[in-house]
Amino acid sequence: MTTRRTRPAPRPPEGTPPRAELARQARHVLADAVRIARWAAVERGAVAAPSGPSAPSAQERAAAALDLTPGQIRAGWDRARLAGLVELHGDTARPGWRLHAWDRDDSAVLRGWVALFDAWSLVHPAPEGVEPSAVAEVVEALPQVLSLLQLSQGPVLVPALLDLLGQRVEELREERCEVPGAEQAPEAPDTAANGPDGADSTGGNAGADGLPALLDWALEGLAAVGALTLDPGAEGRHATLTPLGNWAVWVKLEQICVAAQSPAGNIEQSAEDMLRGCARLTPGPARAEYRAWLAARTLSSAVTELLTVARGEDALLRGLAFEALRVVGAPAEAEVRATVAEPSLRPYALLWLAEYEGADPDDAQEVLTREESTWLWVDTAAAVADHGETELLVRHLDSAVQGTVPALLDEIRAVGHPRTVQVLVALAAAHPDPALAKAVRRAAFQVHTGGA
């Protein structure tokens, strides 16, 4: 811990502009998004429409008011949402906290731009006719390409980036033990061997998966968010990281390095093992571990992995998974919202969404019905029974919304939580009051036998 406290603050690469200049560049990239977000803050519900059923009319109104084309409105709206400048609550658009701080807080501006940088593939449609799995592979492999650009400290020819991308995709497939498919016919390299620059830029089966087109798509998407520039040259097109892109890649690499030095060392663990490793950490260090683990992964795959763990039988990991999802924030909203329909995740998802939409954590419980609160009480009790101390389980009684133990027992029986019997047996064994313990054991027996 002494080493971590005295570790000097990392310095960005030599030549990186000051934060104020980086923030100025980020404001320039997001200028249209900010204008649209501020218009949305005035129009409120009328502006949620650019992504809704009445999109054309909303786009026309925004375009007329801001002197932009409908295409610019659509692109700027997507950027505003991904950068946290606007938030959608049902059919109403509200200004995000970053919009309020935009003119005075450089850190808020840079965080907003990094959120857009992380989500570049959501703003830039993938080329048609390419398998979604191939698109996902390229998104997963792209950090290697960005690292090469950052280390090169200058322009890199697109064919060289394509070679690296092909190698990384092959490594990802080998890690998954994939067997090459029939599409890797001998003639495939001949039809796709020449990249957009006419150079023989693919290796192995890269062309069969459309890697040249996907690399173009990725580079153009990153250029569109201001992370790099694409320029023609005597030897062919080349890519160069902008100061913003160079700084962002350095930040990501630094996060990974810090995570590798952390005492908990969870960066290479699965989501389940990472959450188990964080179970006995206090909230601050646990959040730091979540951030480090997330920084080493694509957000979409990390969110999917966390929700898979949340669907498991361990109630402690379910709660911790949603704590980690709080660190993810906006990129997790759609997938968290989809879990509201799942009974085992519904209370956690509703609380997550309430806090995401601005509710105070202490007041968020009000979004739950009585049955949902009772279900969550049983789930939390199951986590305590499995991993905590008996005194904690006894004290957990005080957090129930019911005023009396008989009322709690009646409602526990009604919600049908799969761990009800185990929780009641553990509570009966832990409670020092013989009469109350007897009543709890009787309730456990009634649930077990299906009695009233």
Protein backbone atom coordinates (compact mmCIF):
# COMPACT_ATOMS: atom_id res chain seq x y z
CA MET A 1 0.00 0.00 0.00
CA THR A 2 2.93 2.32 0.70
CA THR A 3 4.21 1.75 -2.81
CA ARG A 4 0.85 2.59 -4.33
CA ARG A 5 0.52 5.77 -2.26
CA THR A 6 3.96 7.06 -3.16
CA ARG A 7 3.84 6.07 -6.81
CA PRO A 8 4.37 9.30 -8.76
CA ALA A 9 1.55 10.47 -10.98
CA PRO A 10 2.18 9.08 -14.48
CA ARG A 11 3.24 11.62 -17.07
CA PRO A 12 1.84 11.48 -20.60
CA PRO A 13 4.23 10.96 -23.52
CA GLU A 14 6.53 13.81 -24.42
CA GLY A 15 4.86 16.24 -26.78
CA THR A 16 1.35 15.64 -25.44
CA PRO A 17 -0.46 18.99 -25.25
CA PRO A 18 -1.62 20.31 -21.85
CA ARG A 19 -5.05 19.14 -20.67
CA ALA A 20 -6.53 22.55 -21.45
CA GLU A 21 -5.47 22.21 -25.09
CA LEU A 22 -6.72 18.60 -25.27
CA ALA A 23 -10.05 19.76 -23.85
CA ARG A 24 -10.19 22.55 -26.46
CA GLN A 25 -9.70 19.96 -29.21
CA ALA A 26 -12.38 17.72 -27.67
CA ARG A 27 -14.80 20.64 -27.54
CA HIS A 28 -14.13 21.25 -31.23
CA VAL A 29 -14.85 17.59 -32.13
CA LEU A 30 -18.10 17.66 -30.17
CA ALA A 31 -19.19 21.18 -31.10
CA ASP A 32 -22.25 20.06 -33.11
CA ALA A 33 -23.19 17.51 -30.43
CA VAL A 34 -23.11 20.23 -27.78
CA ARG A 35 -25.30 22.54 -29.90
CA ILE A 36 -27.84 19.74 -30.39
CA ALA A 37 -27.73 18.83 -26.69
CA ARG A 38 -28.38 22.43 -25.68
CA TRP A 39 -31.25 22.63 -28.14
CA ALA A 40 -32.57 19.37 -26.65
CA ALA A 41 -32.35 20.86 -23.16
CA VAL A 42 -34.78 23.57 -24.26
CA GLU A 43 -37.06 21.38 -26.38
CA ARG A 44 -37.15 18.51 -23.82
CA GLY A 45 -39.51 15.75 -24.91
CA ALA A 46 -39.77 16.94 -28.49
CA VAL A 47 -36.14 16.09 -29.05
CA ALA A 48 -36.10 12.49 -27.94
CA ALA A 49 -37.52 11.88 -31.38
CA PRO A 50 -34.27 11.76 -33.44
CA SER A 51 -33.94 8.14 -32.34
CA GLY A 52 -37.65 7.48 -32.02
CA PRO A 53 -40.64 6.90 -34.27
CA SER A 54 -41.18 10.58 -35.18
CA ALA A 55 -37.54 11.06 -36.12
CA PRO A 56 -37.97 12.88 -39.47
CA SER A 57 -40.00 15.80 -38.07
CA ALA A 58 -37.67 16.20 -35.08
CA GLN A 59 -34.63 16.15 -37.34
CA GLU A 60 -36.17 18.79 -39.60
CA ARG A 61 -36.94 21.08 -36.65
CA ALA A 62 -33.44 20.66 -35.24
CA ALA A 63 -31.83 21.13 -38.64
CA ALA A 64 -33.76 24.33 -39.25
CA ALA A 65 -33.01 25.72 -35.80
CA LEU A 66 -29.29 24.88 -35.88
CA ASP A 67 -28.59 25.33 -39.61
CA LEU A 68 -27.40 21.72 -39.94
CA THR A 69 -28.38 18.92 -42.32
CA PRO A 70 -30.58 16.05 -41.06
CA GLY A 71 -27.56 13.76 -41.41
CA GLN A 72 -25.50 16.07 -39.19
CA ILE A 73 -28.35 16.11 -36.68
CA ARG A 74 -28.47 12.31 -36.54
CA ALA A 75 -24.70 12.02 -36.14
CA GLY A 76 -24.55 14.80 -33.56
CA TRP A 77 -27.44 13.32 -31.60
CA ASP A 78 -25.69 9.95 -31.38
CA ARG A 79 -22.49 11.65 -30.26
CA ALA A 80 -24.31 13.71 -27.65
CA ARG A 81 -25.88 10.61 -26.12
CA LEU A 82 -22.67 8.59 -26.13
CA ALA A 83 -20.63 11.46 -24.66
CA GLY A 84 -23.12 11.89 -21.80
CA LEU A 85 -24.31 15.31 -22.96
CA VAL A 86 -27.95 14.18 -23.02
CA GLU A 87 -29.82 11.44 -21.23
CA LEU A 88 -33.04 9.80 -22.34
CA HIS A 89 -35.70 9.15 -19.72
CA GLY A 90 -38.54 7.42 -21.50
CA ASP A 91 -39.54 9.81 -24.29
CA THR A 92 -37.92 12.83 -22.68
CA ALA A 93 -34.40 14.12 -23.34
CA ARG A 94 -32.66 15.76 -20.40
CA PRO A 95 -29.29 17.51 -20.30
CA GLY A 96 -26.54 15.32 -18.90
CA TRP A 97 -24.30 16.55 -16.09
CA ARG A 98 -21.41 16.95 -18.55
CA LEU A 99 -23.40 19.48 -20.54
CA HIS A 100 -23.79 21.65 -17.44
CA ALA A 101 -20.02 21.49 -16.83
CA TRP A 102 -18.95 21.71 -20.47
CA ASP A 103 -17.65 25.29 -20.56
CA ARG A 104 -15.86 25.24 -17.21
CA ASP A 105 -14.64 21.69 -16.50
CA ASP A 106 -11.89 20.35 -18.77
CA SER A 107 -11.99 16.96 -17.03
CA ALA A 108 -15.70 16.56 -17.81
CA VAL A 109 -15.02 17.43 -21.44
CA LEU A 110 -12.19 14.89 -21.74
CA ARG A 111 -14.23 12.17 -20.04
CA GLY A 112 -17.07 12.85 -22.45
CA TRP A 113 -14.76 12.61 -25.43
CA VAL A 114 -13.18 9.38 -24.12
CA ALA A 115 -16.69 7.91 -23.76
CA LEU A 116 -17.25 8.72 -27.44
CA PHE A 117 -13.83 7.30 -28.35
CA ASP A 118 -14.71 4.04 -26.56
CA ALA A 119 -18.02 3.85 -28.42
CA TRP A 120 -16.77 4.76 -31.91
CA SER A 121 -18.16 1.54 -33.41
CA LEU A 122 -21.70 2.50 -32.31
CA VAL A 123 -21.59 5.79 -34.24
CA HIS A 124 -20.11 4.43 -37.46
CA PRO A 125 -22.22 1.74 -39.21
CA ALA A 126 -20.26 -1.40 -40.17
CA PRO A 127 -19.95 -2.21 -43.88
CA GLU A 128 -22.81 -4.18 -45.37
CA GLY A 129 -22.43 -7.86 -46.13
CA VAL A 130 -19.90 -8.54 -43.34
CA GLU A 131 -20.63 -11.12 -40.67
CA PRO A 132 -21.29 -9.58 -37.20
CA SER A 133 -18.72 -11.99 -35.73
CA ALA A 134 -16.04 -10.55 -38.02
CA VAL A 135 -17.00 -7.02 -36.97
CA ALA A 136 -16.74 -8.05 -33.30
CA GLU A 137 -13.30 -9.57 -33.90
CA VAL A 138 -12.01 -6.37 -35.45
CA VAL A 139 -13.35 -4.25 -32.59
CA GLU A 140 -11.69 -6.61 -30.11
CA ALA A 141 -8.39 -6.60 -32.02
CA LEU A 142 -8.24 -2.87 -32.67
CA PRO A 143 -6.45 -1.90 -29.41
CA GLN A 144 -3.34 -3.62 -30.84
CA VAL A 145 -3.56 -1.41 -33.93
CA LEU A 146 -3.96 1.70 -31.79
CA SER A 147 -1.00 0.67 -29.64
CA LEU A 148 1.18 0.38 -32.76
CA LEU A 149 0.09 3.85 -33.87
CA GLN A 150 0.87 5.22 -30.42
CA LEU A 151 4.30 3.60 -30.25
CA SER A 152 5.17 4.70 -33.78
CA GLN A 153 4.71 8.38 -32.86
CA GLY A 154 3.95 9.17 -36.47
CA PRO A 155 2.16 7.98 -39.60
CA VAL A 156 1.83 4.24 -40.26
CA LEU A 157 0.91 2.81 -43.66
CA VAL A 158 -2.51 1.16 -43.80
CA PRO A 159 -1.09 -2.14 -45.21
CA ALA A 160 1.14 -2.46 -42.12
CA LEU A 161 -1.88 -1.93 -39.88
CA LEU A 162 -3.78 -4.54 -41.88
CA ASP A 163 -1.00 -7.10 -41.37
CA LEU A 164 -1.10 -6.49 -37.62
CA LEU A 165 -4.90 -6.66 -37.55
CA GLY A 166 -4.86 -9.99 -39.42
CA GLN A 167 -2.32 -11.43 -36.96
CA ARG A 168 -4.32 -10.30 -33.96
CA VAL A 169 -7.57 -11.73 -35.34
CA GLU A 170 -5.78 -15.07 -35.90
CA GLU A 171 -4.56 -14.99 -32.28
CA LEU A 172 -8.07 -14.35 -31.00
CA ARG A 173 -9.37 -17.30 -32.99
CA GLU A 174 -6.62 -19.56 -31.70
CA GLU A 175 -7.44 -18.50 -28.14
CA ARG A 176 -11.01 -19.62 -28.79
CA CYS A 177 -9.73 -22.79 -30.48
CA GLU A 178 -11.69 -22.03 -33.65
CA VAL A 179 -11.24 -24.28 -36.67
CA PRO A 180 -10.97 -22.36 -39.98
CA GLY A 181 -14.19 -22.59 -41.96
CA ALA A 182 -14.92 -23.52 -45.51
CA GLU A 183 -14.87 -19.88 -46.56
CA GLN A 184 -11.07 -20.01 -46.49
CA ALA A 185 -10.85 -21.44 -49.98
CA PRO A 186 -7.56 -21.18 -51.90
CA GLU A 187 -8.96 -18.52 -54.22
CA ALA A 188 -10.00 -16.18 -51.39
CA PRO A 189 -6.61 -14.42 -51.03
CA ASP A 190 -6.60 -13.67 -54.77
CA THR A 191 -9.95 -11.86 -54.60
CA ALA A 192 -9.09 -9.76 -51.58
CA ALA A 193 -5.32 -9.62 -51.57
CA ASN A 194 -5.22 -6.04 -52.70
CA GLY A 195 -6.35 -3.52 -50.15
CA PRO A 196 -7.86 -0.17 -51.03
CA ASP A 197 -4.39 1.11 -51.86
CA GLY A 198 -3.68 -1.68 -54.34
CA ALA A 199 -1.06 -3.22 -52.04
CA ASP A 200 -0.90 -6.88 -51.13
CA SER A 201 -1.98 -6.19 -47.60
CA THR A 202 -3.67 -9.33 -46.31
CA GLY A 203 -2.22 -12.43 -44.89
CA GLY A 204 -3.71 -15.90 -44.50
CA ASN A 205 -7.47 -15.74 -44.43
CA ALA A 206 -7.74 -12.02 -43.74
CA GLY A 207 -9.30 -11.22 -47.09
CA ALA A 208 -11.93 -13.95 -46.72
CA ASP A 209 -13.35 -12.10 -43.74
CA GLY A 210 -13.27 -8.71 -45.41
CA LEU A 211 -10.54 -7.40 -43.12
CA PRO A 212 -9.42 -4.63 -45.54
CA ALA A 213 -12.93 -3.21 -45.63
CA LEU A 214 -13.30 -3.61 -41.88
CA LEU A 215 -9.98 -1.89 -41.22
CA ASP A 216 -11.08 1.00 -43.45
CA TRP A 217 -14.34 1.14 -41.50
CA ALA A 218 -12.50 1.19 -38.16
CA LEU A 219 -10.00 3.85 -39.21
CA GLU A 220 -12.74 6.03 -40.69
CA GLY A 221 -14.82 5.61 -37.52
CA LEU A 222 -11.89 6.64 -35.32
CA ALA A 223 -11.14 9.56 -37.64
CA ALA A 224 -14.78 10.66 -37.36
CA VAL A 225 -14.48 10.98 -33.56
CA GLY A 226 -11.18 12.84 -33.81
CA ALA A 227 -8.84 10.05 -32.69
CA LEU A 228 -6.74 9.84 -35.86
CA THR A 229 -6.24 11.28 -39.32
CA LEU A 230 -6.13 9.41 -42.64
CA ASP A 231 -3.97 10.95 -45.35
CA PRO A 232 -2.80 9.92 -48.84
CA GLY A 233 0.91 9.54 -49.47
CA ALA A 234 3.44 8.54 -52.09
CA GLU A 235 3.57 5.01 -50.70
CA GLY A 236 -0.14 4.74 -49.97
CA ARG A 237 -2.60 5.90 -47.33
CA HIS A 238 -1.33 6.28 -43.81
CA ALA A 239 -2.92 6.81 -40.41
CA THR A 240 -1.68 9.08 -37.62
CA LEU A 241 -3.07 9.48 -34.13
CA THR A 242 -4.22 12.99 -33.29
CA PRO A 243 -3.00 14.48 -30.00
CA LEU A 244 -6.37 13.49 -28.51
CA GLY A 245 -6.10 9.93 -29.83
CA ASN A 246 -2.50 9.60 -28.68
CA TRP A 247 -3.45 10.79 -25.19
CA ALA A 248 -6.48 8.46 -25.03
CA VAL A 249 -4.45 5.37 -26.00
CA TRP A 250 -1.82 6.32 -23.42
CA VAL A 251 -4.55 6.64 -20.76
CA LYS A 252 -5.86 3.16 -21.60
CA LEU A 253 -2.38 1.63 -21.47
CA GLU A 254 -1.66 3.38 -18.18
CA GLN A 255 -4.88 2.01 -16.69
CA ILE A 256 -3.80 -1.51 -17.65
CA CYS A 257 -0.33 -0.98 -16.15
CA VAL A 258 -1.80 0.33 -12.90
CA ALA A 259 -4.18 -2.61 -12.76
CA ALA A 260 -1.31 -5.05 -13.23
CA GLN A 261 0.41 -3.50 -10.20
CA SER A 262 -2.68 -3.57 -7.99
CA PRO A 263 -2.63 -5.76 -4.87
CA ALA A 264 -5.79 -7.57 -5.91
CA GLY A 265 -4.42 -8.27 -9.41
CA ASN A 266 -7.75 -9.12 -11.03
CA ILE A 267 -7.11 -7.77 -14.48
CA GLU A 268 -6.65 -11.17 -16.16
CA GLN A 269 -9.40 -12.93 -14.22
CA SER A 270 -12.86 -13.86 -15.48
CA ALA A 271 -15.71 -11.67 -14.28
CA GLU A 272 -16.68 -14.24 -11.66
CA ASP A 273 -13.17 -14.59 -10.25
CA MET A 274 -12.66 -10.83 -10.34
CA LEU A 275 -15.87 -10.25 -8.35
CA ARG A 276 -14.89 -12.92 -5.84
CA GLY A 277 -11.54 -11.22 -5.46
CA CYS A 278 -13.29 -7.90 -4.78
CA ALA A 279 -15.82 -9.36 -2.32
CA ARG A 280 -13.83 -8.40 0.80
CA LEU A 281 -12.57 -5.05 -0.46
CA THR A 282 -14.08 -1.81 0.77
CA PRO A 283 -16.12 0.13 -1.82
CA GLY A 284 -13.32 2.47 -2.93
CA PRO A 285 -10.67 -0.18 -3.70
CA ALA A 286 -13.36 -2.43 -5.20
CA ARG A 287 -14.38 0.30 -7.66
CA ALA A 288 -10.72 0.78 -8.59
CA GLU A 289 -10.49 -2.94 -9.38
CA TYR A 290 -13.69 -2.79 -11.44
CA ARG A 291 -12.29 0.12 -13.46
CA ALA A 292 -8.99 -1.67 -14.07
CA TRP A 293 -10.74 -4.87 -15.14
CA LEU A 294 -13.06 -2.95 -17.46
CA ALA A 295 -10.17 -0.97 -18.99
CA ALA A 296 -8.61 -4.19 -20.27
CA ARG A 297 -11.77 -5.26 -22.14
CA THR A 298 -14.27 -4.02 -24.67
CA LEU A 299 -17.24 -2.64 -22.75
CA SER A 300 -19.82 -4.73 -24.60
CA SER A 301 -18.10 -8.02 -23.77
CA ALA A 302 -17.46 -6.92 -20.16
CA VAL A 303 -21.12 -6.00 -19.61
CA THR A 304 -22.26 -9.33 -21.08
CA GLU A 305 -19.85 -11.23 -18.84
CA LEU A 306 -20.96 -9.36 -15.72
CA LEU A 307 -24.65 -10.01 -16.44
CA THR A 308 -23.90 -13.69 -17.04
CA VAL A 309 -22.40 -13.87 -13.54
CA ALA A 310 -25.38 -11.96 -12.13
CA ARG A 311 -27.70 -14.65 -13.49
CA GLY A 312 -25.87 -17.34 -11.52
CA GLU A 313 -26.80 -18.81 -8.16
CA ASP A 314 -24.42 -16.78 -6.00
CA ALA A 315 -26.37 -13.81 -4.65
CA LEU A 316 -23.22 -12.05 -3.46
CA LEU A 317 -21.78 -12.04 -6.99
CA ARG A 318 -25.13 -10.82 -8.32
CA GLY A 319 -24.94 -7.71 -6.15
CA LEU A 320 -21.26 -7.15 -6.92
CA ALA A 321 -21.89 -7.51 -10.66
CA PHE A 322 -24.33 -4.61 -10.53
CA GLU A 323 -21.83 -2.59 -8.49
CA ALA A 324 -19.32 -3.12 -11.30
CA LEU A 325 -22.00 -2.14 -13.83
CA ARG A 326 -22.42 1.16 -11.96
CA VAL A 327 -18.81 1.88 -12.86
CA VAL A 328 -19.60 1.15 -16.54
CA GLY A 329 -22.44 3.70 -16.54
CA ALA A 330 -24.19 4.74 -19.76
CA PRO A 331 -22.80 2.03 -22.09
CA ALA A 332 -24.48 -0.60 -19.89
CA GLU A 333 -27.91 1.05 -19.85
CA ALA A 334 -29.54 -0.87 -22.72
CA GLU A 335 -28.46 -4.30 -21.48
CA VAL A 336 -29.37 -3.51 -17.87
CA ARG A 337 -32.77 -2.22 -18.97
CA ALA A 338 -33.35 -5.49 -20.83
CA THR A 339 -32.89 -7.48 -17.61
CA VAL A 340 -35.86 -5.79 -15.94
CA ALA A 341 -37.97 -8.63 -17.35
CA GLU A 342 -35.90 -11.25 -15.48
CA PRO A 343 -37.28 -11.83 -11.95
CA SER A 344 -33.89 -12.61 -10.40
CA LEU A 345 -32.32 -9.42 -11.78
CA ARG A 346 -35.30 -7.07 -11.79
CA PRO A 347 -34.77 -5.41 -8.35
CA TYR A 348 -31.07 -4.86 -9.05
CA ALA A 349 -31.78 -3.49 -12.52
CA LEU A 350 -34.49 -1.11 -11.26
CA LEU A 351 -32.17 0.27 -8.58
CA TRP A 352 -29.34 0.62 -11.11
CA LEU A 353 -31.59 2.49 -13.53
CA ALA A 354 -32.98 4.75 -10.79
CA GLU A 355 -29.48 5.78 -9.73
CA TYR A 356 -28.39 6.15 -13.35
CA GLU A 357 -31.33 8.50 -13.92
CA GLY A 358 -30.27 10.67 -11.00
CA ALA A 359 -32.02 9.27 -7.93
CA ASP A 360 -30.14 9.45 -4.65
CA PRO A 361 -28.93 5.93 -3.72
CA ASP A 362 -30.66 6.27 -0.34
CA ASP A 363 -33.98 7.01 -2.05
CA ALA A 364 -33.66 4.57 -4.96
CA GLN A 365 -35.41 1.81 -2.98
CA GLU A 366 -38.65 3.70 -3.50
CA VAL A 367 -38.80 2.46 -7.13
CA LEU A 368 -39.30 -1.11 -5.89
CA THR A 369 -42.68 -2.59 -5.07
CA ARG A 370 -43.16 -4.29 -1.71
CA GLU A 371 -42.73 -7.71 -3.36
CA GLU A 372 -39.56 -6.63 -5.16
CA SER A 373 -38.10 -5.23 -1.93
CA THR A 374 -38.88 -8.50 -0.16
CA TRP A 375 -37.32 -10.54 -2.95
CA LEU A 376 -34.18 -8.38 -2.74
CA TRP A 377 -34.13 -8.79 1.06
CA VAL A 378 -34.11 -12.58 0.68
CA ASP A 379 -31.43 -12.45 -2.03
CA THR A 380 -29.22 -10.24 0.15
CA ALA A 381 -29.82 -12.55 3.11
CA ALA A 382 -28.71 -15.48 0.94
CA ALA A 383 -25.47 -13.63 0.16
CA VAL A 384 -24.89 -12.96 3.86
CA ALA A 385 -25.70 -16.55 4.80
CA ASP A 386 -23.24 -17.88 2.20
CA HIS A 387 -20.40 -15.44 2.74
CA GLY A 388 -21.00 -13.33 5.87
CA GLU A 389 -21.07 -13.73 9.61
CA THR A 390 -24.10 -14.81 11.62
CA GLU A 391 -24.32 -11.43 13.35
CA LEU A 392 -24.74 -9.77 9.96
CA LEU A 393 -27.64 -12.04 9.13
CA VAL A 394 -29.36 -11.14 12.41
CA ARG A 395 -28.80 -7.42 11.80
CA HIS A 396 -30.17 -7.85 8.27
CA LEU A 397 -33.61 -8.25 9.86
CA ASP A 398 -33.63 -4.53 10.63
CA SER A 399 -33.42 -3.64 6.92
CA ALA A 400 -36.71 -5.38 6.01
CA VAL A 401 -39.51 -3.07 4.91
CA GLN A 402 -42.01 -5.02 7.01
CA GLY A 403 -42.57 -3.70 10.51
CA THR A 404 -42.74 -7.08 12.25
CA VAL A 405 -41.12 -10.48 11.88
CA PRO A 406 -44.49 -12.28 11.35
CA ALA A 407 -45.32 -9.89 8.50
CA LEU A 408 -41.85 -10.42 7.02
CA LEU A 409 -42.23 -14.20 7.18
CA ASP A 410 -45.66 -14.04 5.53
CA GLU A 411 -44.34 -11.95 2.63
CA ILE A 412 -41.15 -13.98 2.27
CA ARG A 413 -43.26 -17.09 1.75
CA ALA A 414 -45.31 -15.26 -0.89
CA VAL A 415 -42.45 -14.00 -3.10
CA GLY A 416 -41.16 -17.49 -3.88
CA HIS A 417 -37.42 -16.82 -3.81
CA PRO A 418 -35.57 -20.10 -4.57
CA ARG A 419 -33.29 -19.63 -1.52
CA THR A 420 -36.11 -18.92 0.95
CA VAL A 421 -35.78 -22.16 2.92
CA GLN A 422 -31.98 -21.93 3.27
CA VAL A 423 -32.20 -18.29 4.35
CA LEU A 424 -34.84 -19.00 6.99
CA VAL A 425 -32.93 -22.01 8.35
CA ALA A 426 -29.74 -19.94 8.58
CA LEU A 427 -31.59 -17.06 10.26
CA ALA A 428 -33.20 -19.41 12.78
CA ALA A 429 -29.81 -20.91 13.63
CA ALA A 430 -28.23 -17.46 14.04
CA HIS A 431 -30.89 -15.61 16.02
CA PRO A 432 -30.40 -15.51 19.81
CA ASP A 433 -34.12 -15.19 20.62
CA PRO A 434 -35.46 -18.77 21.02
CA ALA A 435 -39.08 -17.79 20.35
CA LEU A 436 -38.25 -15.90 17.19
CA ALA A 437 -35.90 -18.65 16.01
CA LYS A 438 -38.71 -21.18 16.52
CA ALA A 439 -41.12 -19.09 14.43
CA VAL A 440 -38.56 -18.77 11.67
CA ARG A 441 -37.89 -22.54 11.66
CA ARG A 442 -41.63 -23.18 11.44
CA ALA A 443 -41.85 -20.82 8.45
CA ALA A 444 -38.93 -22.61 6.79
CA PHE A 445 -40.67 -25.96 7.29
CA GLN A 446 -43.92 -24.62 5.84
CA VAL A 447 -42.15 -23.31 2.74
CA HIS A 448 -40.27 -26.60 2.34
CA THR A 449 -43.42 -28.69 2.59
CA GLY A 450 -45.61 -26.28 0.62
CA GLY A 451 -47.83 -25.53 3.61
CA ALA A 452 -49.68 -22.29 4.20
